[in-house]
């Protein structure tokens, strides 16, 4: 599985770097998870997402991938435990796929997402994102309503009390359109 993910990312990088078939390129991102426990709240941030969007026949297919080990919560022990709990050694990537009409209008996008995480795949329907266009760039912001139970992850505990099942993921991405 790990080799498949690595090959997929190499293919994405090769497509993006040569300019073939990539109509949109993810140029920058901030991906943040929020964990809540009665005693404290934690967030982990990654700026390491890679992505592309390919538009054909009036539809665009987007793929975003972020390594699980790039999330930083400010506590290396917590980050190591997060990798263990989410099976990050065996499943090192989080992937998000979306398919959207090419001619979207308006500042709000409702996207159906396929999220791959911890060896499981879950669909989230009609997730709202805000879009701001400026020239050939689009900034996309929103929150994916992720639940760890959707990915068969046992909730970590502190003092025998588990974290909340809801672990929202906020995304702030800058995409650039490539003209063929």
Protein backbone atom coordinates (compact mmCIF):
# COMPACT_ATOMS: atom_id res chain seq x y z
CA UNK A 1 0.00 0.00 0.00
CA UNK A 2 2.78 2.40 0.90
CA UNK A 3 4.42 1.79 -2.49
CA UNK A 4 1.15 2.55 -4.27
CA UNK A 5 0.88 5.89 -2.45
CA UNK A 6 4.50 6.76 -3.26
CA UNK A 7 4.01 5.89 -6.95
CA UNK A 8 0.82 8.00 -7.04
CA UNK A 9 2.60 10.99 -5.53
CA UNK A 10 5.50 10.63 -7.99
CA UNK A 11 2.97 10.56 -10.83
CA UNK A 12 1.31 13.72 -9.47
CA UNK A 13 4.68 15.45 -9.13
CA UNK A 14 5.72 14.43 -12.64
CA UNK A 15 2.45 15.63 -14.14
CA UNK A 16 2.59 18.94 -12.29
CA UNK A 17 6.26 19.59 -13.01
CA UNK A 18 5.98 18.86 -16.75
CA UNK A 19 2.78 20.83 -17.19
CA UNK A 20 0.83 18.01 -18.82
CA UNK A 21 -2.86 17.55 -17.95
CA UNK A 22 -2.74 19.54 -14.68
CA UNK A 23 -5.22 22.41 -14.96
CA UNK A 24 -4.96 23.39 -11.28
CA UNK A 25 -1.97 23.16 -8.95
CA UNK A 26 -2.04 23.45 -5.18
CA UNK A 27 0.54 26.14 -4.40
CA UNK A 28 0.16 26.47 -0.65
CA UNK A 29 -1.93 25.09 2.16
CA UNK A 30 -2.62 25.05 5.86
CA UNK A 31 -4.39 21.90 7.04
CA UNK A 32 -5.35 21.83 10.73
CA UNK A 33 -6.97 19.13 12.85
CA UNK A 34 -8.73 19.93 16.15
CA UNK A 35 -8.96 17.36 18.96
CA UNK A 36 -11.17 18.00 21.95
CA UNK A 37 -10.99 16.40 25.39
CA UNK A 38 -12.71 17.58 28.59
CA UNK A 39 -9.31 18.58 30.01
CA UNK A 40 -7.80 20.29 26.95
CA UNK A 41 -7.98 21.04 23.25
CA UNK A 42 -5.22 20.36 20.74
CA UNK A 43 -4.60 21.33 17.17
CA UNK A 44 -2.05 20.00 14.73
CA UNK A 45 -0.99 21.85 11.59
CA UNK A 46 0.58 20.78 8.31
CA UNK A 47 1.74 22.94 5.41
CA UNK A 48 2.86 19.93 3.35
CA UNK A 49 -0.18 19.10 1.20
CA UNK A 50 0.34 18.54 -2.51
CA UNK A 51 -2.45 18.56 -5.03
CA UNK A 52 -3.68 18.94 -8.56
CA UNK A 53 -6.92 19.35 -10.44
CA UNK A 54 -7.54 18.04 -13.94
CA UNK A 55 -10.47 19.40 -15.94
CA UNK A 56 -11.98 17.44 -18.83
CA UNK A 57 -15.45 17.41 -20.36
CA UNK A 58 -16.71 20.23 -18.08
CA UNK A 59 -15.70 18.40 -14.86
CA UNK A 60 -12.63 18.83 -12.69
CA UNK A 61 -11.18 16.03 -10.60
CA UNK A 62 -9.05 17.14 -7.64
CA UNK A 63 -6.61 15.09 -5.59
CA UNK A 64 -4.94 16.39 -2.44
CA UNK A 65 -2.43 14.35 -0.40
CA UNK A 66 -0.78 15.22 2.91
CA UNK A 67 1.68 13.04 4.85
CA UNK A 68 0.34 12.12 8.29
CA UNK A 69 3.76 12.70 9.86
CA UNK A 70 3.84 16.38 8.83
CA UNK A 71 1.22 17.47 11.39
CA UNK A 72 2.75 19.39 14.28
CA UNK A 73 0.83 19.91 17.53
CA UNK A 74 3.73 21.49 19.39
CA UNK A 75 4.35 18.32 21.41
CA UNK A 76 6.53 15.66 19.77
CA UNK A 77 5.27 12.91 22.13
CA UNK A 78 1.66 13.73 21.21
CA UNK A 79 2.56 13.76 17.51
CA UNK A 80 4.23 10.34 17.80
CA UNK A 81 1.17 8.96 19.61
CA UNK A 82 -1.07 10.41 16.88
CA UNK A 83 0.99 8.55 14.27
CA UNK A 84 0.58 5.31 16.23
CA UNK A 85 -3.18 5.73 16.79
CA UNK A 86 -3.85 6.60 13.14
CA UNK A 87 -1.64 3.80 11.83
CA UNK A 88 0.54 6.40 10.08
CA UNK A 89 3.44 3.98 9.64
CA UNK A 90 1.31 1.64 7.55
CA UNK A 91 -0.85 4.34 5.93
CA UNK A 92 1.40 7.42 5.67
CA UNK A 93 -0.90 9.60 3.55
CA UNK A 94 -4.24 11.29 3.95
CA UNK A 95 -5.89 11.74 0.56
CA UNK A 96 -8.90 13.79 -0.44
CA UNK A 97 -10.63 13.47 -3.80
CA UNK A 98 -13.35 15.74 -5.16
CA UNK A 99 -15.07 16.05 -8.51
CA UNK A 100 -16.64 19.43 -9.35
CA UNK A 101 -18.20 21.11 -12.38
CA UNK A 102 -15.64 23.24 -14.24
CA UNK A 103 -17.93 26.27 -14.50
CA UNK A 104 -18.69 26.79 -10.78
CA UNK A 105 -20.05 30.23 -10.00
CA UNK A 106 -20.34 31.96 -6.65
CA UNK A 107 -18.31 32.19 -3.49
CA UNK A 108 -19.51 28.92 -1.94
CA UNK A 109 -18.69 25.42 -3.18
CA UNK A 110 -20.52 22.34 -1.88
CA UNK A 111 -18.20 19.42 -2.58
CA UNK A 112 -18.63 15.69 -2.21
CA UNK A 113 -15.36 14.37 -0.79
CA UNK A 114 -13.72 10.96 -0.65
CA UNK A 115 -11.24 10.93 2.24
CA UNK A 116 -8.65 8.17 2.62
CA UNK A 117 -7.11 7.99 6.08
CA UNK A 118 -5.74 5.25 8.36
CA UNK A 119 -6.45 2.56 5.76
CA UNK A 120 -10.15 3.46 5.42
CA UNK A 121 -12.13 5.53 2.93
CA UNK A 122 -15.12 7.67 3.89
CA UNK A 123 -17.38 9.96 1.88
CA UNK A 124 -18.54 13.35 3.12
CA UNK A 125 -21.36 14.90 1.10
CA UNK A 126 -21.95 18.55 0.31
CA UNK A 127 -19.11 19.94 2.45
CA UNK A 128 -19.22 23.75 2.14
CA UNK A 129 -16.08 25.67 1.16
CA UNK A 130 -15.59 29.37 0.59
CA UNK A 131 -13.85 30.42 -2.62
CA UNK A 132 -12.19 33.71 -3.43
CA UNK A 133 -10.89 34.11 -6.99
CA UNK A 134 -8.16 36.54 -7.95
CA UNK A 135 -6.91 36.25 -11.49
CA UNK A 136 -5.66 32.73 -12.13
CA UNK A 137 -5.69 31.90 -8.40
CA UNK A 138 -8.40 30.61 -6.08
CA UNK A 139 -8.28 30.46 -2.31
CA UNK A 140 -10.45 27.69 -0.85
CA UNK A 141 -11.32 27.56 2.85
CA UNK A 142 -13.60 25.23 4.78
CA UNK A 143 -13.95 22.49 7.34
CA UNK A 144 -14.24 18.75 6.77
CA UNK A 145 -16.45 17.22 9.52
CA UNK A 146 -14.18 14.23 10.12
CA UNK A 147 -15.05 11.68 12.80
CA UNK A 148 -12.38 9.23 13.92
CA UNK A 149 -14.98 6.44 14.16
CA UNK A 150 -15.48 6.82 10.36
CA UNK A 151 -11.93 5.51 9.99
CA UNK A 152 -12.11 2.77 12.63
CA UNK A 153 -9.68 4.61 14.91
CA UNK A 154 -9.96 3.87 18.62
CA UNK A 155 -10.11 7.24 20.40
CA UNK A 156 -7.03 8.05 22.45
CA UNK A 157 -7.69 8.52 26.16
CA UNK A 158 -6.39 10.79 28.86
CA UNK A 159 -7.13 9.73 32.43
CA UNK A 160 -9.44 7.00 31.07
CA UNK A 161 -11.57 9.60 29.21
CA UNK A 162 -11.55 9.40 25.39
CA UNK A 163 -11.25 12.37 23.06
CA UNK A 164 -14.40 13.46 21.23
CA UNK A 165 -15.24 11.52 18.08
CA UNK A 166 -15.48 14.73 16.07
CA UNK A 167 -12.07 15.90 14.82
CA UNK A 168 -12.81 18.71 12.35
CA UNK A 169 -10.19 19.40 9.71
CA UNK A 170 -9.90 22.98 8.49
CA UNK A 171 -8.34 23.62 5.13
CA UNK A 172 -6.99 26.83 3.67
CA UNK A 173 -5.60 26.19 0.19
CA UNK A 174 -4.24 28.37 -2.59
CA UNK A 175 -4.75 26.95 -6.06
CA UNK A 176 -3.33 28.33 -9.30
CA UNK A 177 -4.95 27.68 -12.67
CA UNK A 178 -2.61 26.56 -15.39
CA UNK A 179 -3.50 27.62 -18.91
CA UNK A 180 -2.94 24.85 -21.47
